[in-house]
Amino acid sequence: LNPNLIFNQIDGDFDDEPYWKISTTNKGFFLPIAQI
């Protein structure tokens, strides 16, 4: 979605949802963080 690595905010907010939706990451992906 953004190979040039320039990100923008709209009204002070950053919408990161499109980046996650394209990767279809399961919420269980972050379970190892519980060790940290």
PDB file of all heavy atoms in Angstrom:
ATOM      1  N   LEU A   1       0.789  -1.233   0.000  1.00  0.00           N
ATOM      2  CA  LEU A   1       0.000   0.000   0.000  1.00  0.00           C
ATOM      3  C   LEU A   1       0.821   1.285   0.000  1.00  0.00           C
ATOM      4  O   LEU A   1       0.325   2.324  -0.428  1.00  0.00           O
ATOM      5  CB  LEU A   1      -0.948   0.027   1.211  1.00  0.00           C
ATOM      6  CG  LEU A   1      -2.044  -1.024   1.221  1.00  0.00           C
ATOM      7  CD1 LEU A   1      -2.841  -0.932   2.507  1.00  0.00           C
ATOM      8  CD2 LEU A   1      -2.939  -0.873   0.007  1.00  0.00           C
ATOM      9  N   ASN A   2       2.045   1.205   0.513  1.00  0.00           N
ATOM     10  CA  ASN A   2       2.802   2.441   0.676  1.00  0.00           C
ATOM     11  C   ASN A   2       4.307   2.190   0.579  1.00  0.00           C
ATOM     12  O   ASN A   2       5.048   2.448   1.531  1.00  0.00           O
ATOM     13  CB  ASN A   2       2.452   3.062   2.030  1.00  0.00           C
ATOM     14  CG  ASN A   2       2.764   4.521   2.087  1.00  0.00           C
ATOM     15  OD1 ASN A   2       3.380   5.069   1.187  1.00  0.00           O
ATOM     16  ND2 ASN A   2       2.357   5.158   3.154  1.00  0.00           N
ATOM     17  N   PRO A   3       4.773   1.722  -0.565  1.00  0.00           N
ATOM     18  CA  PRO A   3       6.198   1.404  -0.679  1.00  0.00           C
ATOM     19  C   PRO A   3       7.113   2.621  -0.562  1.00  0.00           C
ATOM     20  O   PRO A   3       8.303   2.473  -0.293  1.00  0.00           O
ATOM     21  CB  PRO A   3       6.302   0.752  -2.064  1.00  0.00           C
ATOM     22  CG  PRO A   3       5.107   1.224  -2.809  1.00  0.00           C
ATOM     23  CD  PRO A   3       4.036   1.474  -1.789  1.00  0.00           C
ATOM     24  N   ASN A   4       6.573   3.841  -0.718  1.00  0.00           N
ATOM     25  CA  ASN A   4       7.413   5.035  -0.581  1.00  0.00           C
ATOM     26  C   ASN A   4       7.620   5.439   0.876  1.00  0.00           C
ATOM     27  O   ASN A   4       8.389   6.350   1.167  1.00  0.00           O
ATOM     28  CB  ASN A   4       6.833   6.213  -1.379  1.00  0.00           C
ATOM     29  CG  ASN A   4       5.484   6.659  -0.840  1.00  0.00           C
ATOM     30  OD1 ASN A   4       4.957   6.111   0.126  1.00  0.00           O
ATOM     31  ND2 ASN A   4       4.906   7.659  -1.476  1.00  0.00           N
ATOM     32  N   LEU A   5       6.929   4.767   1.804  1.00  0.00           N
ATOM     33  CA  LEU A   5       7.066   4.968   3.252  1.00  0.00           C
ATOM     34  C   LEU A   5       6.729   6.393   3.720  1.00  0.00           C
ATOM     35  O   LEU A   5       7.255   6.859   4.724  1.00  0.00           O
ATOM     36  CB  LEU A   5       8.472   4.582   3.732  1.00  0.00           C
ATOM     37  CG  LEU A   5       8.886   3.145   3.456  1.00  0.00           C
ATOM     38  CD1 LEU A   5      10.297   2.894   3.965  1.00  0.00           C
ATOM     39  CD2 LEU A   5       7.918   2.143   4.050  1.00  0.00           C
ATOM     40  N   ILE A   6       5.848   7.059   3.015  1.00  0.00           N
ATOM     41  CA  ILE A   6       5.370   8.374   3.447  1.00  0.00           C
ATOM     42  C   ILE A   6       3.930   8.196   3.899  1.00  0.00           C
ATOM     43  O   ILE A   6       3.059   7.822   3.121  1.00  0.00           O
ATOM     44  CB  ILE A   6       5.473   9.413   2.315  1.00  0.00           C
ATOM     45  CG1 ILE A   6       6.941   9.599   1.936  1.00  0.00           C
ATOM     46  CG2 ILE A   6       4.849  10.738   2.754  1.00  0.00           C
ATOM     47  CD1 ILE A   6       7.161  10.476   0.726  1.00  0.00           C
ATOM     48  N   PHE A   7       3.707   8.422   5.184  1.00  0.00           N
ATOM     49  CA  PHE A   7       2.396   8.213   5.792  1.00  0.00           C
ATOM     50  C   PHE A   7       1.797   9.558   6.160  1.00  0.00           C
ATOM     51  O   PHE A   7       2.514  10.502   6.487  1.00  0.00           O
ATOM     52  CB  PHE A   7       2.532   7.340   7.044  1.00  0.00           C
ATOM     53  CG  PHE A   7       3.094   5.985   6.745  1.00  0.00           C
ATOM     54  CD1 PHE A   7       4.467   5.770   6.767  1.00  0.00           C
ATOM     55  CD2 PHE A   7       2.269   4.932   6.439  1.00  0.00           C
ATOM     56  CE1 PHE A   7       4.997   4.520   6.488  1.00  0.00           C
ATOM     57  CE2 PHE A   7       2.782   3.676   6.153  1.00  0.00           C
ATOM     58  CZ  PHE A   7       4.140   3.476   6.180  1.00  0.00           C
ATOM     59  N   ASN A   8       0.480   9.623   6.122  1.00  0.00           N
ATOM     60  CA  ASN A   8      -0.219  10.876   6.419  1.00  0.00           C
ATOM     61  C   ASN A   8      -1.269  10.675   7.491  1.00  0.00           C
ATOM     62  O   ASN A   8      -1.867   9.605   7.606  1.00  0.00           O
ATOM     63  CB  ASN A   8      -0.919  11.406   5.152  1.00  0.00           C
ATOM     64  CG  ASN A   8       0.080  11.742   4.070  1.00  0.00           C
ATOM     65  OD1 ASN A   8       1.000  12.503   4.295  1.00  0.00           O
ATOM     66  ND2 ASN A   8      -0.112  11.154   2.902  1.00  0.00           N
ATOM     67  N   GLN A   9      -1.489  11.754   8.232  1.00  0.00           N
ATOM     68  CA  GLN A   9      -2.571  11.789   9.208  1.00  0.00           C
ATOM     69  C   GLN A   9      -3.720  12.573   8.608  1.00  0.00           C
ATOM     70  O   GLN A   9      -3.508  13.522   7.863  1.00  0.00           O
ATOM     71  CB  GLN A   9      -2.132  12.471  10.497  1.00  0.00           C
ATOM     72  CG  GLN A   9      -1.094  11.711  11.263  1.00  0.00           C
ATOM     73  CD  GLN A   9      -0.714  12.412  12.557  1.00  0.00           C
ATOM     74  OE1 GLN A   9      -1.123  13.528  12.822  1.00  0.00           O
ATOM     75  NE2 GLN A   9       0.078  11.742  13.362  1.00  0.00           N
ATOM     76  N   ILE A  10      -4.936  12.166   8.953  1.00  0.00           N
ATOM     77  CA  ILE A  10      -6.124  12.908   8.558  1.00  0.00           C
ATOM     78  C   ILE A  10      -6.790  13.380   9.836  1.00  0.00           C
ATOM     79  O   ILE A  10      -7.167  12.561  10.685  1.00  0.00           O
ATOM     80  CB  ILE A  10      -7.080  12.027   7.723  1.00  0.00           C
ATOM     81  CG1 ILE A  10      -6.377  11.577   6.443  1.00  0.00           C
ATOM     82  CG2 ILE A  10      -8.372  12.779   7.410  1.00  0.00           C
ATOM     83  CD1 ILE A  10      -7.128  10.556   5.642  1.00  0.00           C
ATOM     84  N   ASP A  11      -6.897  14.703   9.987  1.00  0.00           N
ATOM     85  CA  ASP A  11      -7.463  15.292  11.205  1.00  0.00           C
ATOM     86  C   ASP A  11      -6.757  14.783  12.456  1.00  0.00           C
ATOM     87  O   ASP A  11      -7.380  14.492  13.474  1.00  0.00           O
ATOM     88  CB  ASP A  11      -8.966  15.024  11.295  1.00  0.00           C
ATOM     89  CG  ASP A  11      -9.740  15.687  10.172  1.00  0.00           C
ATOM     90  OD1 ASP A  11      -9.317  16.772   9.721  1.00  0.00           O
ATOM     91  OD2 ASP A  11     -10.752  15.127   9.737  1.00  0.00           O
ATOM     92  N   GLY A  12      -5.448  14.632  12.385  1.00  0.00           N
ATOM     93  CA  GLY A  12      -4.660  14.214  13.537  1.00  0.00           C
ATOM     94  C   GLY A  12      -4.672  12.722  13.806  1.00  0.00           C
ATOM     95  O   GLY A  12      -4.065  12.258  14.761  1.00  0.00           O
ATOM     96  N   ASP A  13      -5.366  11.949  12.975  1.00  0.00           N
ATOM     97  CA  ASP A  13      -5.438  10.504  13.167  1.00  0.00           C
ATOM     98  C   ASP A  13      -4.731   9.772  12.030  1.00  0.00           C
ATOM     99  O   ASP A  13      -4.716  10.233  10.897  1.00  0.00           O
ATOM    100  CB  ASP A  13      -6.894  10.040  13.208  1.00  0.00           C
ATOM    101  CG  ASP A  13      -7.609  10.465  14.483  1.00  0.00           C
ATOM    102  OD1 ASP A  13      -6.963  10.542  15.536  1.00  0.00           O
ATOM    103  OD2 ASP A  13      -8.829  10.719  14.400  1.00  0.00           O
ATOM    104  N   PHE A  14      -4.199   8.621  12.361  1.00  0.00           N
ATOM    105  CA  PHE A  14      -3.573   7.762  11.373  1.00  0.00           C
ATOM    106  C   PHE A  14      -4.401   6.484  11.262  1.00  0.00           C
ATOM    107  O   PHE A  14      -4.654   5.813  12.261  1.00  0.00           O
ATOM    108  CB  PHE A  14      -2.135   7.436  11.769  1.00  0.00           C
ATOM    109  CG  PHE A  14      -1.491   6.417  10.880  1.00  0.00           C
ATOM    110  CD1 PHE A  14      -1.291   6.676   9.535  1.00  0.00           C
ATOM    111  CD2 PHE A  14      -1.079   5.198  11.382  1.00  0.00           C
ATOM    112  CE1 PHE A  14      -0.700   5.741   8.705  1.00  0.00           C
ATOM    113  CE2 PHE A  14      -0.478   4.254  10.561  1.00  0.00           C
ATOM    114  CZ  PHE A  14      -0.293   4.528   9.219  1.00  0.00           C
ATOM    115  N   ASP A  15      -4.834   6.162  10.070  1.00  0.00           N
ATOM    116  CA  ASP A  15      -5.642   4.969   9.840  1.00  0.00           C
ATOM    117  C   ASP A  15      -4.734   3.828   9.400  1.00  0.00           C
ATOM    118  O   ASP A  15      -4.332   3.745   8.239  1.00  0.00           O
ATOM    119  CB  ASP A  15      -6.709   5.255   8.784  1.00  0.00           C
ATOM    120  CG  ASP A  15      -7.644   4.080   8.553  1.00  0.00           C
ATOM    121  OD1 ASP A  15      -7.618   3.118   9.370  1.00  0.00           O
ATOM    122  OD2 ASP A  15      -8.396   4.105   7.572  1.00  0.00           O
ATOM    123  N   ASP A  16      -4.429   2.952  10.336  1.00  0.00           N
ATOM    124  CA  ASP A  16      -3.560   1.827  10.005  1.00  0.00           C
ATOM    125  C   ASP A  16      -4.341   0.573   9.608  1.00  0.00           C
ATOM    126  O   ASP A  16      -3.762  -0.425   9.206  1.00  0.00           O
ATOM    127  CB  ASP A  16      -2.595   1.517  11.143  1.00  0.00           C
ATOM    128  CG  ASP A  16      -3.261   1.254  12.477  1.00  0.00           C
ATOM    129  OD1 ASP A  16      -4.464   1.516  12.627  1.00  0.00           O
ATOM    130  OD2 ASP A  16      -2.563   0.774  13.394  1.00  0.00           O
ATOM    131  N   GLU A  17      -5.656   0.649   9.665  1.00  0.00           N
ATOM    132  CA  GLU A  17      -6.489  -0.513   9.358  1.00  0.00           C
ATOM    133  C   GLU A  17      -6.235  -1.102   7.970  1.00  0.00           C
ATOM    134  O   GLU A  17      -6.133  -2.329   7.836  1.00  0.00           O
ATOM    135  CB  GLU A  17      -7.968  -0.150   9.513  1.00  0.00           C
ATOM    136  CG  GLU A  17      -8.901  -1.318   9.364  1.00  0.00           C
ATOM    137  CD  GLU A  17     -10.340  -0.936   9.664  1.00  0.00           C
ATOM    138  OE1 GLU A  17     -10.589  -0.145  10.587  1.00  0.00           O
ATOM    139  OE2 GLU A  17     -11.213  -1.447   8.941  1.00  0.00           O
ATOM    140  N   PRO A  18      -6.102  -0.298   6.901  1.00  0.00           N
ATOM    141  CA  PRO A  18      -5.863  -0.898   5.573  1.00  0.00           C
ATOM    142  C   PRO A  18      -4.598  -1.766   5.511  1.00  0.00           C
ATOM    143  O   PRO A  18      -4.574  -2.779   4.815  1.00  0.00           O
ATOM    144  CB  PRO A  18      -5.731   0.312   4.643  1.00  0.00           C
ATOM    145  CG  PRO A  18      -6.448   1.418   5.348  1.00  0.00           C
ATOM    146  CD  PRO A  18      -6.247   1.156   6.811  1.00  0.00           C
ATOM    147  N   TYR A  19      -3.571  -1.388   6.264  1.00  0.00           N
ATOM    148  CA  TYR A  19      -2.320  -2.147   6.261  1.00  0.00           C
ATOM    149  C   TYR A  19      -2.514  -3.518   6.905  1.00  0.00           C
ATOM    150  O   TYR A  19      -1.929  -4.508   6.473  1.00  0.00           O
ATOM    151  CB  TYR A  19      -1.218  -1.369   6.970  1.00  0.00           C
ATOM    152  CG  TYR A  19      -0.947  -0.045   6.307  1.00  0.00           C
ATOM    153  CD1 TYR A  19      -1.575   1.125   6.748  1.00  0.00           C
ATOM    154  CD2 TYR A  19      -0.090   0.039   5.214  1.00  0.00           C
ATOM    155  CE1 TYR A  19      -1.348   2.340   6.122  1.00  0.00           C
ATOM    156  CE2 TYR A  19       0.146   1.244   4.582  1.00  0.00           C
ATOM    157  CZ  TYR A  19      -0.492   2.386   5.036  1.00  0.00           C
ATOM    158  OH  TYR A  19      -0.272   3.582   4.403  1.00  0.00           O
ATOM    159  N   TRP A  20      -3.328  -3.549   7.960  1.00  0.00           N
ATOM    160  CA  TRP A  20      -3.602  -4.812   8.643  1.00  0.00           C
ATOM    161  C   TRP A  20      -4.592  -5.662   7.862  1.00  0.00           C
ATOM    162  O   TRP A  20      -4.467  -6.885   7.820  1.00  0.00           O
ATOM    163  CB  TRP A  20      -4.097  -4.562  10.064  1.00  0.00           C
ATOM    164  CG  TRP A  20      -2.972  -4.135  10.948  1.00  0.00           C
ATOM    165  CD1 TRP A  20      -2.696  -2.873  11.388  1.00  0.00           C
ATOM    166  CD2 TRP A  20      -1.935  -4.970  11.445  1.00  0.00           C
ATOM    167  NE1 TRP A  20      -1.542  -2.884  12.135  1.00  0.00           N
ATOM    168  CE2 TRP A  20      -1.060  -4.151  12.195  1.00  0.00           C
ATOM    169  CE3 TRP A  20      -1.660  -6.323  11.344  1.00  0.00           C
ATOM    170  CZ2 TRP A  20       0.073  -4.653  12.830  1.00  0.00           C
ATOM    171  CZ3 TRP A  20      -0.530  -6.833  11.981  1.00  0.00           C
ATOM    172  CH2 TRP A  20       0.316  -5.998  12.706  1.00  0.00           C
ATOM    173  N   LYS A  21      -5.571  -5.024   7.247  1.00  0.00           N
ATOM    174  CA  LYS A  21      -6.575  -5.797   6.491  1.00  0.00           C
ATOM    175  C   LYS A  21      -5.944  -6.544   5.325  1.00  0.00           C
ATOM    176  O   LYS A  21      -6.321  -7.670   5.025  1.00  0.00           O
ATOM    177  CB  LYS A  21      -7.694  -4.878   5.995  1.00  0.00           C
ATOM    178  CG  LYS A  21      -8.735  -4.617   7.047  1.00  0.00           C
ATOM    179  CD  LYS A  21      -9.946  -3.957   6.457  1.00  0.00           C
ATOM    180  CE  LYS A  21     -11.074  -3.997   7.458  1.00  0.00           C
ATOM    181  NZ  LYS A  21     -12.310  -3.433   6.912  1.00  0.00           N
ATOM    182  N   ILE A  22      -4.974  -5.926   4.676  1.00  0.00           N
ATOM    183  CA  ILE A  22      -4.341  -6.570   3.525  1.00  0.00           C
ATOM    184  C   ILE A  22      -3.527  -7.798   3.953  1.00  0.00           C
ATOM    185  O   ILE A  22      -3.379  -8.740   3.191  1.00  0.00           O
ATOM    186  CB  ILE A  22      -3.485  -5.562   2.727  1.00  0.00           C
ATOM    187  CG1 ILE A  22      -3.383  -6.007   1.287  1.00  0.00           C
ATOM    188  CG2 ILE A  22      -2.116  -5.377   3.329  1.00  0.00           C
ATOM    189  CD1 ILE A  22      -2.921  -4.919   0.362  1.00  0.00           C
ATOM    190  N   SER A  23      -3.051  -7.794   5.184  1.00  0.00           N
ATOM    191  CA  SER A  23      -2.238  -8.923   5.646  1.00  0.00           C
ATOM    192  C   SER A  23      -3.075 -10.016   6.312  1.00  0.00           C
ATOM    193  O   SER A  23      -2.567 -11.097   6.567  1.00  0.00           O
ATOM    194  CB  SER A  23      -1.160  -8.439   6.616  1.00  0.00           C
ATOM    195  OG  SER A  23      -1.737  -8.106   7.859  1.00  0.00           O
ATOM    196  N   THR A  24      -4.333  -9.727   6.594  1.00  0.00           N
ATOM    197  CA  THR A  24      -5.252 -10.656   7.275  1.00  0.00           C
ATOM    198  C   THR A  24      -4.557 -11.398   8.422  1.00  0.00           C
ATOM    199  O   THR A  24      -4.472 -12.624   8.439  1.00  0.00           O
ATOM    200  CB  THR A  24      -5.904 -11.660   6.303  1.00  0.00           C
ATOM    201  OG1 THR A  24      -4.884 -12.442   5.681  1.00  0.00           O
ATOM    202  CG2 THR A  24      -6.755 -10.972   5.260  1.00  0.00           C
ATOM    203  N   THR A  25      -4.073 -10.623   9.377  1.00  0.00           N
ATOM    204  CA  THR A  25      -3.365 -11.167  10.529  1.00  0.00           C
ATOM    205  C   THR A  25      -4.361 -11.558  11.611  1.00  0.00           C
ATOM    206  O   THR A  25      -5.192 -10.753  12.021  1.00  0.00           O
ATOM    207  CB  THR A  25      -2.378 -10.121  11.089  1.00  0.00           C
ATOM    208  OG1 THR A  25      -1.475  -9.744  10.041  1.00  0.00           O
ATOM    209  CG2 THR A  25      -1.594 -10.668  12.261  1.00  0.00           C
ATOM    210  N   ASN A  26      -4.248 -12.778  12.085  1.00  0.00           N
ATOM    211  CA  ASN A  26      -5.103 -13.267  13.150  1.00  0.00           C
ATOM    212  C   ASN A  26      -4.665 -12.661  14.479  1.00  0.00           C
ATOM    213  O   ASN A  26      -3.468 -12.490  14.721  1.00  0.00           O
ATOM    214  CB  ASN A  26      -5.026 -14.790  13.211  1.00  0.00           C
ATOM    215  CG  ASN A  26      -6.024 -15.381  14.172  1.00  0.00           C
ATOM    216  OD1 ASN A  26      -5.832 -15.325  15.382  1.00  0.00           O
ATOM    217  ND2 ASN A  26      -7.076 -15.953  13.629  1.00  0.00           N
ATOM    218  N   LYS A  27      -5.642 -12.361  15.347  1.00  0.00           N
ATOM    219  CA  LYS A  27      -5.317 -11.743  16.638  1.00  0.00           C
ATOM    220  C   LYS A  27      -4.395 -12.615  17.496  1.00  0.00           C
ATOM    221  O   LYS A  27      -3.658 -12.110  18.322  1.00  0.00           O
ATOM    222  CB  LYS A  27      -6.594 -11.400  17.402  1.00  0.00           C
ATOM    223  CG  LYS A  27      -7.393 -12.592  17.841  1.00  0.00           C
ATOM    224  CD  LYS A  27      -8.667 -12.179  18.535  1.00  0.00           C
ATOM    225  CE  LYS A  27      -9.453 -13.410  18.959  1.00  0.00           C
ATOM    226  NZ  LYS A  27     -10.716 -13.059  19.559  1.00  0.00           N
ATOM    227  N   GLY A  28      -4.399 -13.931  17.268  1.00  0.00           N
ATOM    228  CA  GLY A  28      -3.509 -14.830  17.997  1.00  0.00           C
ATOM    229  C   GLY A  28      -2.037 -14.631  17.668  1.00  0.00           C
ATOM    230  O   GLY A  28      -1.165 -15.083  18.403  1.00  0.00           O
ATOM    231  N   PHE A  29      -1.760 -13.913  16.598  1.00  0.00           N
ATOM    232  CA  PHE A  29      -0.393 -13.592  16.169  1.00  0.00           C
ATOM    233  C   PHE A  29       0.401 -12.939  17.302  1.00  0.00           C
ATOM    234  O   PHE A  29       1.607 -13.127  17.422  1.00  0.00           O
ATOM    235  CB  PHE A  29      -0.500 -12.651  14.968  1.00  0.00           C
ATOM    236  CG  PHE A  29       0.790 -12.182  14.374  1.00  0.00           C
ATOM    237  CD1 PHE A  29       1.467 -12.960  13.464  1.00  0.00           C
ATOM    238  CD2 PHE A  29       1.304 -10.932  14.704  1.00  0.00           C
ATOM    239  CE1 PHE A  29       2.645 -12.510  12.882  1.00  0.00           C
ATOM    240  CE2 PHE A  29       2.475 -10.475  14.132  1.00  0.00           C
ATOM    241  CZ  PHE A  29       3.151 -11.265  13.218  1.00  0.00           C
ATOM    242  N   PHE A  30      -0.298 -12.163  18.146  1.00  0.00           N
ATOM    243  CA  PHE A  30       0.385 -11.412  19.194  1.00  0.00           C
ATOM    244  C   PHE A  30       0.443 -12.124  20.547  1.00  0.00           C
ATOM    245  O   PHE A  30       0.982 -11.567  21.499  1.00  0.00           O
ATOM    246  CB  PHE A  30      -0.262 -10.029  19.351  1.00  0.00           C
ATOM    247  CG  PHE A  30       0.065  -9.122  18.210  1.00  0.00           C
ATOM    248  CD1 PHE A  30      -0.788  -9.002  17.133  1.00  0.00           C
ATOM    249  CD2 PHE A  30       1.253  -8.413  18.184  1.00  0.00           C
ATOM    250  CE1 PHE A  30      -0.478  -8.184  16.058  1.00  0.00           C
ATOM    251  CE2 PHE A  30       1.584  -7.603  17.110  1.00  0.00           C
ATOM    252  CZ  PHE A  30       0.715  -7.491  16.042  1.00  0.00           C
ATOM    253  N   LEU A  31      -0.076 -13.335  20.649  1.00  0.00           N
ATOM    254  CA  LEU A  31      -0.050 -14.049  21.924  1.00  0.00           C
ATOM    255  C   LEU A  31       1.363 -14.194  22.514  1.00  0.00           C
ATOM    256  O   LEU A  31       1.525 -14.119  23.728  1.00  0.00           O
ATOM    257  CB  LEU A  31      -0.732 -15.411  21.793  1.00  0.00           C
ATOM    258  CG  LEU A  31      -2.254 -15.365  21.680  1.00  0.00           C
ATOM    259  CD1 LEU A  31      -2.825 -16.751  21.423  1.00  0.00           C
ATOM    260  CD2 LEU A  31      -2.887 -14.717  22.904  1.00  0.00           C
ATOM    261  N   PRO A  32       2.418 -14.377  21.710  1.00  0.00           N
ATOM    262  CA  PRO A  32       3.767 -14.458  22.287  1.00  0.00           C
ATOM    263  C   PRO A  32       4.196 -13.197  23.051  1.00  0.00           C
ATOM    264  O   PRO A  32       5.093 -13.254  23.884  1.00  0.00           O
ATOM    265  CB  PRO A  32       4.667 -14.695  21.069  1.00  0.00           C
ATOM    266  CG  PRO A  32       3.778 -15.337  20.066  1.00  0.00           C
ATOM    267  CD  PRO A  32       2.433 -14.704  20.274  1.00  0.00           C
ATOM    268  N   ILE A  33       3.537 -12.081  22.784  1.00  0.00           N
ATOM    269  CA  ILE A  33       3.861 -10.841  23.512  1.00  0.00           C
ATOM    270  C   ILE A  33       3.618 -11.016  25.009  1.00  0.00           C
ATOM    271  O   ILE A  33       4.265 -10.369  25.830  1.00  0.00           O
ATOM    272  CB  ILE A  33       3.039  -9.651  22.953  1.00  0.00           C
ATOM    273  CG1 ILE A  33       3.522  -9.297  21.551  1.00  0.00           C
ATOM    274  CG2 ILE A  33       3.107  -8.430  23.863  1.00  0.00           C
ATOM    275  CD1 ILE A  33       4.921  -8.705  21.469  1.00  0.00           C
ATOM    276  N   ALA A  34       2.723 -11.930  25.384  1.00  0.00           N
ATOM    277  CA  ALA A  34       2.430 -12.175  26.803  1.00  0.00           C
ATOM    278  C   ALA A  34       3.661 -12.650  27.558  1.00  0.00           C
ATOM    279  O   ALA A  34       3.716 -12.534  28.787  1.00  0.00           O
ATOM    280  CB  ALA A  34       1.286 -13.175  26.941  1.00  0.00           C
ATOM    281  N   GLN A  35       4.665 -13.162  26.854  1.00  0.00           N
ATOM    282  CA  GLN A  35       5.924 -13.548  27.496  1.00  0.00           C
ATOM    283  C   GLN A  35       6.783 -12.322  27.789  1.00  0.00           C
ATOM    284  O   GLN A  35       7.716 -12.394  28.582  1.00  0.00           O
ATOM    285  CB  GLN A  35       6.683 -14.529  26.612  1.00  0.00           C
ATOM    286  CG  GLN A  35       5.948 -15.834  26.412  1.00  0.00           C
ATOM    287  CD  GLN A  35       6.649 -16.718  25.385  1.00  0.00           C
ATOM    288  OE1 GLN A  35       7.683 -16.376  24.815  1.00  0.00           O
ATOM    289  NE2 GLN A  35       6.065 -17.884  25.142  1.00  0.00           N
ATOM    290  N   ILE A  36       6.479 -11.213  27.129  1.00  0.00           N
ATOM    291  CA  ILE A  36       7.226  -9.966  27.310  1.00  0.00           C
ATOM    292  C   ILE A  36       6.453  -9.021  28.222  1.00  0.00           C
ATOM    293  O   ILE A  36       6.998  -8.454  29.166  1.00  0.00           O
ATOM    294  CB  ILE A  36       7.481  -9.288  25.944  1.00  0.00           C
ATOM    295  CG1 ILE A  36       8.228 -10.240  25.005  1.00  0.00           C
ATOM    296  CG2 ILE A  36       8.230  -7.983  26.120  1.00  0.00           C
ATOM    297  CD1 ILE A  36       8.275  -9.780  23.555  1.00  0.00           C
TER     298      ILE A  36
END
